[in-house]
Amino acid sequence: MTPGILTSAKALGNGFPIGAMLTTERIAAHFKVGVHGTTYGGNPLGASIAEKVVELISNPALLEGMNERSRAIKAHLTRINERFGLFSEIRGRGRLARN
């Protein structure tokens, strides 16, 4: 399935305010200058930061390091939960890690 429009913001700038909207060529054909505006749209600094963030998170070594940390955190949370029964579920969503 391909979404018609996909938005991205906070993570794209790694804390720097920027937002992006990605769409198909068919839908993009309806967007002309002035039709769509945004407070956090592209500007040279924001675009440079977003480009670097995408480059960094596309690095397989960074992703594997994130997966290792994810496994360690989940293991620790599981041990805590076995002892104290605090969590109904440990999912691990919301990070770069693949589950």
PDB file of N, CA and C in Angstrom:
ATOM      1  N   MET A   1       0.841  -1.167   0.000  1.00  0.00           N
ATOM      2  CA  MET A   1       0.000   0.000   0.000  1.00  0.00           C
ATOM      3  C   MET A   1       0.893   1.239   0.000  1.00  0.00           C
ATOM      4  N   THR A   2       0.563   2.188  -0.796  1.00  0.00           N
ATOM      5  CA  THR A   2       1.290   3.453  -0.854  1.00  0.00           C
ATOM      6  C   THR A   2       0.355   4.570  -0.392  1.00  0.00           C
ATOM      7  N   PRO A   3       0.753   5.300   0.664  1.00  0.00           N
ATOM      8  CA  PRO A   3      -0.116   6.395   1.125  1.00  0.00           C
ATOM      9  C   PRO A   3      -0.146   7.518   0.092  1.00  0.00           C
ATOM     10  N   GLY A   4      -1.260   8.240   0.057  1.00  0.00           N
ATOM     11  CA  GLY A   4      -1.363   9.388  -0.839  1.00  0.00           C
ATOM     12  C   GLY A   4      -0.485  10.533  -0.379  1.00  0.00           C
ATOM     13  N   ILE A   5      -0.462  10.762   0.927  1.00  0.00           N
ATOM     14  CA  ILE A   5       0.360  11.819   1.519  1.00  0.00           C
ATOM     15  C   ILE A   5       0.974  11.288   2.809  1.00  0.00           C
ATOM     16  N   LEU A   6       2.237  11.564   3.009  1.00  0.00           N
ATOM     17  CA  LEU A   6       2.953  11.175   4.218  1.00  0.00           C
ATOM     18  C   LEU A   6       3.601  12.434   4.789  1.00  0.00           C
ATOM     19  N   THR A   7       3.396  12.674   6.080  1.00  0.00           N
ATOM     20  CA  THR A   7       4.012  13.848   6.700  1.00  0.00           C
ATOM     21  C   THR A   7       5.089  13.411   7.686  1.00  0.00           C
ATOM     22  N   SER A   8       6.059  14.268   7.868  1.00  0.00           N
ATOM     23  CA  SER A   8       7.138  14.022   8.824  1.00  0.00           C
ATOM     24  C   SER A   8       7.536  15.365   9.406  1.00  0.00           C
ATOM     25  N   ALA A   9       7.891  15.367  10.701  1.00  0.00           N
ATOM     26  CA  ALA A   9       8.277  16.638  11.305  1.00  0.00           C
ATOM     27  C   ALA A   9       9.363  16.426  12.351  1.00  0.00           C
ATOM     28  N   LYS A  10       8.998  16.270  13.604  1.00  0.00           N
ATOM     29  CA  LYS A  10       9.957  16.286  14.712  1.00  0.00           C
ATOM     30  C   LYS A  10      11.220  15.485  14.455  1.00  0.00           C
ATOM     31  N   ALA A  11      11.090  14.225  14.123  1.00  0.00           N
ATOM     32  CA  ALA A  11      12.271  13.379  13.944  1.00  0.00           C
ATOM     33  C   ALA A  11      13.099  13.804  12.738  1.00  0.00           C
ATOM     34  N   LEU A  12      12.466  14.370  11.753  1.00  0.00           N
ATOM     35  CA  LEU A  12      13.166  14.773  10.536  1.00  0.00           C
ATOM     36  C   LEU A  12      14.289  15.763  10.825  1.00  0.00           C
ATOM     37  N   GLY A  13      14.063  16.661  11.761  1.00  0.00           N
ATOM     38  CA  GLY A  13      15.070  17.667  12.082  1.00  0.00           C
ATOM     39  C   GLY A  13      15.881  17.343  13.321  1.00  0.00           C
ATOM     40  N   ASN A  14      15.637  16.174  13.924  1.00  0.00           N
ATOM     41  CA  ASN A  14      16.346  15.771  15.141  1.00  0.00           C
ATOM     42  C   ASN A  14      16.326  16.893  16.183  1.00  0.00           C
ATOM     43  N   GLY A  15      15.167  17.530  16.312  1.00  0.00           N
ATOM     44  CA  GLY A  15      15.012  18.610  17.281  1.00  0.00           C
ATOM     45  C   GLY A  15      14.930  19.984  16.635  1.00  0.00           C
ATOM     46  N   PHE A  16      15.463  20.127  15.453  1.00  0.00           N
ATOM     47  CA  PHE A  16      15.363  21.402  14.735  1.00  0.00           C
ATOM     48  C   PHE A  16      13.979  21.469  14.083  1.00  0.00           C
ATOM     49  N   PRO A  17      13.284  22.602  14.165  1.00  0.00           N
ATOM     50  CA  PRO A  17      11.923  22.663  13.626  1.00  0.00           C
ATOM     51  C   PRO A  17      11.874  22.643  12.104  1.00  0.00           C
ATOM     52  N   ILE A  18      11.413  21.532  11.574  1.00  0.00           N
ATOM     53  CA  ILE A  18      11.204  21.396  10.128  1.00  0.00           C
ATOM     54  C   ILE A  18      10.098  20.378   9.918  1.00  0.00           C
ATOM     55  N   GLY A  19       9.337  20.548   8.881  1.00  0.00           N
ATOM     56  CA  GLY A  19       8.297  19.599   8.523  1.00  0.00           C
ATOM     57  C   GLY A  19       8.386  19.307   7.039  1.00  0.00           C
ATOM     58  N   ALA A  20       7.869  18.147   6.651  1.00  0.00           N
ATOM     59  CA  ALA A  20       7.882  17.778   5.238  1.00  0.00           C
ATOM     60  C   ALA A  20       6.610  17.023   4.910  1.00  0.00           C
ATOM     61  N   MET A  21       6.181  17.152   3.677  1.00  0.00           N
ATOM     62  CA  MET A  21       5.057  16.388   3.171  1.00  0.00           C
ATOM     63  C   MET A  21       5.526  15.694   1.901  1.00  0.00           C
ATOM     64  N   LEU A  22       5.374  14.399   1.869  1.00  0.00           N
ATOM     65  CA  LEU A  22       5.747  13.611   0.699  1.00  0.00           C
ATOM     66  C   LEU A  22       4.470  13.085   0.068  1.00  0.00           C
ATOM     67  N   THR A  23       4.439  13.050  -1.250  1.00  0.00           N
ATOM     68  CA  THR A  23       3.236  12.581  -1.930  1.00  0.00           C
ATOM     69  C   THR A  23       3.594  11.959  -3.269  1.00  0.00           C
ATOM     70  N   THR A  24       2.607  11.425  -3.921  1.00  0.00           N
ATOM     71  CA  THR A  24       2.810  10.819  -5.233  1.00  0.00           C
ATOM     72  C   THR A  24       2.870  11.918  -6.293  1.00  0.00           C
ATOM     73  N   GLU A  25       3.398  11.586  -7.448  1.00  0.00           N
ATOM     74  CA  GLU A  25       3.472  12.562  -8.540  1.00  0.00           C
ATOM     75  C   GLU A  25       2.073  13.016  -8.951  1.00  0.00           C
ATOM     76  N   ARG A  26       1.121  12.095  -8.935  1.00  0.00           N
ATOM     77  CA  ARG A  26      -0.251  12.423  -9.333  1.00  0.00           C
ATOM     78  C   ARG A  26      -0.843  13.487  -8.415  1.00  0.00           C
ATOM     79  N   ILE A  27      -0.672  13.332  -7.117  1.00  0.00           N
ATOM     80  CA  ILE A  27      -1.191  14.323  -6.165  1.00  0.00           C
ATOM     81  C   ILE A  27      -0.357  15.592  -6.207  1.00  0.00           C
ATOM     82  N   ALA A  28       0.950  15.459  -6.327  1.00  0.00           N
ATOM     83  CA  ALA A  28       1.837  16.634  -6.354  1.00  0.00           C
ATOM     84  C   ALA A  28       1.514  17.561  -7.511  1.00  0.00           C
ATOM     85  N   ALA A  29       0.979  17.026  -8.587  1.00  0.00           N
ATOM     86  CA  ALA A  29       0.642  17.857  -9.752  1.00  0.00           C
ATOM     87  C   ALA A  29      -0.406  18.917  -9.409  1.00  0.00           C
ATOM     88  N   HIS A  30      -1.163  18.717  -8.346  1.00  0.00           N
ATOM     89  CA  HIS A  30      -2.201  19.673  -7.946  1.00  0.00           C
ATOM     90  C   HIS A  30      -1.677  20.762  -7.007  1.00  0.00           C
ATOM     91  N   PHE A  31      -0.443  20.623  -6.546  1.00  0.00           N
ATOM     92  CA  PHE A  31       0.140  21.621  -5.651  1.00  0.00           C
ATOM     93  C   PHE A  31       0.952  22.619  -6.468  1.00  0.00           C
ATOM     94  N   LYS A  32       0.518  23.842  -6.433  1.00  0.00           N
ATOM     95  CA  LYS A  32       1.238  24.932  -7.102  1.00  0.00           C
ATOM     96  C   LYS A  32       1.722  25.899  -6.018  1.00  0.00           C
ATOM     97  N   VAL A  33       2.637  26.768  -6.360  1.00  0.00           N
ATOM     98  CA  VAL A  33       3.152  27.748  -5.409  1.00  0.00           C
ATOM     99  C   VAL A  33       1.994  28.520  -4.793  1.00  0.00           C
ATOM    100  N   GLY A  34       1.976  28.571  -3.466  1.00  0.00           N
ATOM    101  CA  GLY A  34       0.954  29.309  -2.747  1.00  0.00           C
ATOM    102  C   GLY A  34      -0.239  28.477  -2.306  1.00  0.00           C
ATOM    103  N   VAL A  35      -0.355  27.253  -2.797  1.00  0.00           N
ATOM    104  CA  VAL A  35      -1.481  26.387  -2.429  1.00  0.00           C
ATOM    105  C   VAL A  35      -1.268  25.762  -1.055  1.00  0.00           C
ATOM    106  N   HIS A  36      -0.042  25.449  -0.746  1.00  0.00           N
ATOM    107  CA  HIS A  36       0.260  24.785   0.519  1.00  0.00           C
ATOM    108  C   HIS A  36       1.388  25.546   1.205  1.00  0.00           C
ATOM    109  N   GLY A  37       1.180  25.913   2.455  1.00  0.00           N
ATOM    110  CA  GLY A  37       2.214  26.617   3.212  1.00  0.00           C
ATOM    111  C   GLY A  37       2.377  25.992   4.577  1.00  0.00           C
ATOM    112  N   THR A  38       3.497  26.264   5.201  1.00  0.00           N
ATOM    113  CA  THR A  38       3.772  25.693   6.507  1.00  0.00           C
ATOM    114  C   THR A  38       4.752  26.565   7.271  1.00  0.00           C
ATOM    115  N   THR A  39       4.583  26.606   8.568  1.00  0.00           N
ATOM    116  CA  THR A  39       5.507  27.353   9.423  1.00  0.00           C
ATOM    117  C   THR A  39       6.890  26.716   9.410  1.00  0.00           C
ATOM    118  N   TYR A  40       6.914  25.382   9.386  1.00  0.00           N
ATOM    119  CA  TYR A  40       8.189  24.669   9.480  1.00  0.00           C
ATOM    120  C   TYR A  40       8.623  24.070   8.161  1.00  0.00           C
ATOM    121  N   GLY A  41       8.200  24.659   7.079  1.00  0.00           N
ATOM    122  CA  GLY A  41       8.585  24.163   5.767  1.00  0.00           C
ATOM    123  C   GLY A  41      10.072  24.343   5.509  1.00  0.00           C
ATOM    124  N   GLY A  42      10.492  23.865   4.384  1.00  0.00           N
ATOM    125  CA  GLY A  42      11.913  23.880   4.053  1.00  0.00           C
ATOM    126  C   GLY A  42      12.512  25.267   3.992  1.00  0.00           C
ATOM    127  N   ASN A  43      13.677  25.383   4.535  1.00  0.00           N
ATOM    128  CA  ASN A  43      14.517  26.559   4.406  1.00  0.00           C
ATOM    129  C   ASN A  43      15.932  25.994   4.315  1.00  0.00           C
ATOM    130  N   PRO A  44      16.909  26.758   3.877  1.00  0.00           N
ATOM    131  CA  PRO A  44      18.241  26.177   3.657  1.00  0.00           C
ATOM    132  C   PRO A  44      18.827  25.470   4.878  1.00  0.00           C
ATOM    133  N   LEU A  45      18.724  26.065   6.048  1.00  0.00           N
ATOM    134  CA  LEU A  45      19.292  25.423   7.241  1.00  0.00           C
ATOM    135  C   LEU A  45      18.511  24.164   7.600  1.00  0.00           C
ATOM    136  N   GLY A  46      17.186  24.273   7.638  1.00  0.00           N
ATOM    137  CA  GLY A  46      16.352  23.121   7.961  1.00  0.00           C
ATOM    138  C   GLY A  46      16.555  21.978   6.982  1.00  0.00           C
ATOM    139  N   ALA A  47      16.624  22.301   5.693  1.00  0.00           N
ATOM    140  CA  ALA A  47      16.819  21.277   4.673  1.00  0.00           C
ATOM    141  C   ALA A  47      18.179  20.592   4.841  1.00  0.00           C
ATOM    142  N   SER A  48      19.204  21.351   5.163  1.00  0.00           N
ATOM    143  CA  SER A  48      20.535  20.762   5.384  1.00  0.00           C
ATOM    144  C   SER A  48      20.528  19.827   6.583  1.00  0.00           C
ATOM    145  N   ILE A  49      19.862  20.245   7.653  1.00  0.00           N
ATOM    146  CA  ILE A  49      19.786  19.408   8.855  1.00  0.00           C
ATOM    147  C   ILE A  49      19.003  18.135   8.554  1.00  0.00           C
ATOM    148  N   ALA A  50      17.859  18.272   7.895  1.00  0.00           N
ATOM    149  CA  ALA A  50      17.043  17.096   7.564  1.00  0.00           C
ATOM    150  C   ALA A  50      17.808  16.133   6.666  1.00  0.00           C
ATOM    151  N   GLU A  51      18.547  16.661   5.708  1.00  0.00           N
ATOM    152  CA  GLU A  51      19.345  15.802   4.818  1.00  0.00           C
ATOM    153  C   GLU A  51      20.366  15.002   5.624  1.00  0.00           C
ATOM    154  N   LYS A  52      21.020  15.643   6.582  1.00  0.00           N
ATOM    155  CA  LYS A  52      22.009  14.958   7.412  1.00  0.00           C
ATOM    156  C   LYS A  52      21.349  13.906   8.301  1.00  0.00           C
ATOM    157  N   VAL A  53      20.176  14.224   8.871  1.00  0.00           N
ATOM    158  CA  VAL A  53      19.457  13.260   9.710  1.00  0.00           C
ATOM    159  C   VAL A  53      19.109  12.017   8.895  1.00  0.00           C
ATOM    160  N   VAL A  54      18.580  12.213   7.682  1.00  0.00           N
ATOM    161  CA  VAL A  54      18.229  11.073   6.827  1.00  0.00           C
ATOM    162  C   VAL A  54      19.484  10.263   6.499  1.00  0.00           C
ATOM    163  N   GLU A  55      20.580  10.941   6.214  1.00  0.00           N
ATOM    164  CA  GLU A  55      21.849  10.247   5.934  1.00  0.00           C
ATOM    165  C   GLU A  55      22.283   9.402   7.142  1.00  0.00           C
ATOM    166  N   LEU A  56      22.226   9.990   8.331  1.00  0.00           N
ATOM    167  CA  LEU A  56      22.667   9.271   9.533  1.00  0.00           C
ATOM    168  C   LEU A  56      21.791   8.068   9.855  1.00  0.00           C
ATOM    169  N   ILE A  57      20.470   8.234   9.783  1.00  0.00           N
ATOM    170  CA  ILE A  57      19.614   7.109  10.155  1.00  0.00           C
ATOM    171  C   ILE A  57      19.540   6.048   9.067  1.00  0.00           C
ATOM    172  N   SER A  58      20.105   6.327   7.908  1.00  0.00           N
ATOM    173  CA  SER A  58      20.175   5.326   6.841  1.00  0.00           C
ATOM    174  C   SER A  58      21.427   4.467   6.956  1.00  0.00           C
ATOM    175  N   ASN A  59      22.292   4.802   7.882  1.00  0.00           N
ATOM    176  CA  ASN A  59      23.548   4.073   8.067  1.00  0.00           C
ATOM    177  C   ASN A  59      23.270   2.740   8.768  1.00  0.00           C
ATOM    178  N   PRO A  60      23.574   1.599   8.138  1.00  0.00           N
ATOM    179  CA  PRO A  60      23.303   0.297   8.747  1.00  0.00           C
ATOM    180  C   PRO A  60      23.980   0.115  10.111  1.00  0.00           C
ATOM    181  N   ALA A  61      25.161   0.678  10.306  1.00  0.00           N
ATOM    182  CA  ALA A  61      25.859   0.543  11.591  1.00  0.00           C
ATOM    183  C   ALA A  61      25.086   1.273  12.695  1.00  0.00           C
ATOM    184  N   LEU A  62      24.548   2.442  12.385  1.00  0.00           N
ATOM    185  CA  LEU A  62      23.757   3.164  13.374  1.00  0.00           C
ATOM    186  C   LEU A  62      22.499   2.371  13.715  1.00  0.00           C
ATOM    187  N   LEU A  63      21.847   1.826  12.701  1.00  0.00           N
ATOM    188  CA  LEU A  63      20.631   1.051  12.937  1.00  0.00           C
ATOM    189  C   LEU A  63      20.916  -0.199  13.761  1.00  0.00           C
ATOM    190  N   GLU A  64      22.030  -0.871  13.501  1.00  0.00           N
ATOM    191  CA  GLU A  64      22.352  -2.064  14.287  1.00  0.00           C
ATOM    192  C   GLU A  64      22.665  -1.689  15.734  1.00  0.00           C
ATOM    193  N   GLY A  65      23.365  -0.572  15.940  1.00  0.00           N
ATOM    194  CA  GLY A  65      23.622  -0.106  17.305  1.00  0.00           C
ATOM    195  C   GLY A  65      22.318   0.201  18.025  1.00  0.00           C
ATOM    196  N   MET A  66      21.375   0.789  17.310  1.00  0.00           N
ATOM    197  CA  MET A  66      20.069   1.079  17.895  1.00  0.00           C
ATOM    198  C   MET A  66      19.344  -0.218  18.246  1.00  0.00           C
ATOM    199  N   ASN A  67      19.450  -1.213  17.374  1.00  0.00           N
ATOM    200  CA  ASN A  67      18.816  -2.503  17.649  1.00  0.00           C
ATOM    201  C   ASN A  67      19.430  -3.165  18.885  1.00  0.00           C
ATOM    202  N   GLU A  68      20.742  -3.065  19.034  1.00  0.00           N
ATOM    203  CA  GLU A  68      21.408  -3.633  20.218  1.00  0.00           C
ATOM    204  C   GLU A  68      20.913  -2.948  21.494  1.00  0.00           C
ATOM    205  N   ARG A  69      20.849  -1.625  21.465  1.00  0.00           N
ATOM    206  CA  ARG A  69      20.357  -0.897  22.637  1.00  0.00           C
ATOM    207  C   ARG A  69      18.886  -1.219  22.910  1.00  0.00           C
ATOM    208  N   SER A  70      18.128  -1.383  21.859  1.00  0.00           N
ATOM    209  CA  SER A  70      16.720  -1.732  22.007  1.00  0.00           C
ATOM    210  C   SER A  70      16.562  -3.074  22.712  1.00  0.00           C
ATOM    211  N   ARG A  71      17.332  -4.062  22.275  1.00  0.00           N
ATOM    212  CA  ARG A  71      17.262  -5.386  22.904  1.00  0.00           C
ATOM    213  C   ARG A  71      17.663  -5.307  24.377  1.00  0.00           C
ATOM    214  N   ALA A  72      18.697  -4.526  24.680  1.00  0.00           N
ATOM    215  CA  ALA A  72      19.157  -4.401  26.067  1.00  0.00           C
ATOM    216  C   ALA A  72      18.096  -3.719  26.932  1.00  0.00           C
ATOM    217  N   ILE A  73      17.495  -2.651  26.435  1.00  0.00           N
ATOM    218  CA  ILE A  73      16.460  -1.949  27.197  1.00  0.00           C
ATOM    219  C   ILE A  73      15.269  -2.863  27.441  1.00  0.00           C
ATOM    220  N   LYS A  74      14.835  -3.581  26.403  1.00  0.00           N
ATOM    221  CA  LYS A  74      13.689  -4.477  26.559  1.00  0.00           C
ATOM    222  C   LYS A  74      13.997  -5.607  27.538  1.00  0.00           C
ATOM    223  N   ALA A  75      15.221  -6.114  27.511  1.00  0.00           N
ATOM    224  CA  ALA A  75      15.613  -7.167  28.457  1.00  0.00           C
ATOM    225  C   ALA A  75      15.569  -6.638  29.890  1.00  0.00           C
ATOM    226  N   HIS A  76      16.076  -5.431  30.102  1.00  0.00           N
ATOM    227  CA  HIS A  76      16.053  -4.833  31.442  1.00  0.00           C
ATOM    228  C   HIS A  76      14.619  -4.580  31.911  1.00  0.00           C
ATOM    229  N   LEU A  77      13.796  -4.064  31.010  1.00  0.00           N
ATOM    230  CA  LEU A  77      12.403  -3.820  31.376  1.00  0.00           C
ATOM    231  C   LEU A  77      11.668  -5.125  31.682  1.00  0.00           C
ATOM    232  N   THR A  78      12.003  -6.169  30.948  1.00  0.00           N
ATOM    233  CA  THR A  78      11.389  -7.479  31.209  1.00  0.00           C
ATOM    234  C   THR A  78      11.768  -7.971  32.601  1.00  0.00           C
ATOM    235  N   ARG A  79      13.045  -7.835  32.969  1.00  0.00           N
ATOM    236  CA  ARG A  79      13.490  -8.250  34.316  1.00  0.00           C
ATOM    237  C   ARG A  79      12.794  -7.437  35.411  1.00  0.00           C
ATOM    238  N   ILE A  80      12.679  -6.129  35.187  1.00  0.00           N
ATOM    239  CA  ILE A  80      11.981  -5.270  36.154  1.00  0.00           C
ATOM    240  C   ILE A  80      10.530  -5.720  36.278  1.00  0.00           C
ATOM    241  N   ASN A  81       9.920  -6.007  35.131  1.00  0.00           N
ATOM    242  CA  ASN A  81       8.513  -6.407  35.141  1.00  0.00           C
ATOM    243  C   ASN A  81       8.315  -7.765  35.823  1.00  0.00           C
ATOM    244  N   GLU A  82       9.249  -8.678  35.631  1.00  0.00           N
ATOM    245  CA  GLU A  82       9.154  -9.973  36.304  1.00  0.00           C
ATOM    246  C   GLU A  82       9.194  -9.802  37.819  1.00  0.00           C
ATOM    247  N   ARG A  83       9.963  -8.840  38.259  1.00  0.00           N
ATOM    248  CA  ARG A  83      10.114  -8.610  39.701  1.00  0.00           C
ATOM    249  C   ARG A  83       8.951  -7.823  40.299  1.00  0.00           C
ATOM    250  N   PHE A  84       8.508  -6.774  39.574  1.00  0.00           N
ATOM    251  CA  PHE A  84       7.530  -5.855  40.151  1.00  0.00           C
ATOM    252  C   PHE A  84       6.156  -5.863  39.468  1.00  0.00           C
ATOM    253  N   GLY A  85       6.045  -6.475  38.302  1.00  0.00           N
ATOM    254  CA  GLY A  85       4.769  -6.509  37.595  1.00  0.00           C
ATOM    255  C   GLY A  85       4.205  -5.140  37.270  1.00  0.00           C
ATOM    256  N   LEU A  86       5.048  -4.240  36.768  1.00  0.00           N
ATOM    257  CA  LEU A  86       4.632  -2.857  36.509  1.00  0.00           C
ATOM    258  C   LEU A  86       3.965  -2.650  35.155  1.00  0.00           C
ATOM    259  N   PHE A  87       4.305  -3.449  34.175  1.00  0.00           N
ATOM    260  CA  PHE A  87       3.883  -3.182  32.800  1.00  0.00           C
ATOM    261  C   PHE A  87       2.930  -4.264  32.309  1.00  0.00           C
ATOM    262  N   SER A  88       1.923  -3.846  31.554  1.00  0.00           N
ATOM    263  CA  SER A  88       1.029  -4.825  30.949  1.00  0.00           C
ATOM    264  C   SER A  88       1.600  -5.311  29.618  1.00  0.00           C
ATOM    265  N   GLU A  89       2.491  -4.516  29.021  1.00  0.00           N
ATOM    266  CA  GLU A  89       3.060  -4.874  27.734  1.00  0.00           C
ATOM    267  C   GLU A  89       4.361  -4.101  27.515  1.00  0.00           C
ATOM    268  N   ILE A  90       5.355  -4.743  26.937  1.00  0.00           N
ATOM    269  CA  ILE A  90       6.609  -4.079  26.558  1.00  0.00           C
ATOM    270  C   ILE A  90       6.726  -4.243  25.054  1.00  0.00           C
ATOM    271  N   ARG A  91       6.455  -3.160  24.323  1.00  0.00           N
ATOM    272  CA  ARG A  91       6.377  -3.238  22.866  1.00  0.00           C
ATOM    273  C   ARG A  91       7.635  -2.776  22.154  1.00  0.00           C
ATOM    274  N   GLY A  92       8.223  -1.677  22.569  1.00  0.00           N
ATOM    275  CA  GLY A  92       9.407  -1.173  21.893  1.00  0.00           C
ATOM    276  C   GLY A  92       9.144  -0.340  20.656  1.00  0.00           C
ATOM    277  N   ARG A  93       7.931   0.116  20.445  1.00  0.00           N
ATOM    278  CA  ARG A  93       7.633   0.956  19.295  1.00  0.00           C
ATOM    279  C   ARG A  93       8.091   2.391  19.565  1.00  0.00           C
ATOM    280  N   GLY A  94       8.323   3.137  18.476  1.00  0.00           N
ATOM    281  CA  GLY A  94       8.655   4.552  18.626  1.00  0.00           C
ATOM    282  C   GLY A  94      10.141   4.842  18.553  1.00  0.00           C
ATOM    283  N   ARG A  95      10.954   3.816  18.372  1.00  0.00           N
ATOM    284  CA  ARG A  95      12.394   4.018  18.205  1.00  0.00           C
ATOM    285  C   ARG A  95      12.763   3.584  16.785  1.00  0.00           C
ATOM    286  N   LEU A  96      14.012   3.782  16.429  1.00  0.00           N
ATOM    287  CA  LEU A  96      14.468   3.365  15.105  1.00  0.00           C
ATOM    288  C   LEU A  96      14.591   1.843  15.011  1.00  0.00           C
ATOM    289  N   ALA A  97      14.577   1.176  16.136  1.00  0.00           N
ATOM    290  CA  ALA A  97      14.786  -0.274  16.160  1.00  0.00           C
ATOM    291  C   ALA A  97      13.709  -1.008  15.397  1.00  0.00           C
ATOM    292  N   ARG A  98      14.119  -2.073  14.757  1.00  0.00           N
ATOM    293  CA  ARG A  98      13.162  -2.956  14.090  1.00  0.00           C
ATOM    294  C   ARG A  98      12.727  -4.006  15.077  1.00  0.00           C
ATOM    295  N   ASN A  99      11.429  -4.250  15.186  1.00  0.00           N
ATOM    296  CA  ASN A  99      10.910  -5.249  16.122  1.00  0.00           C
ATOM    297  C   ASN A  99      10.543  -6.516  15.413  1.00  0.00           C
TER     298      ASN A  99
END
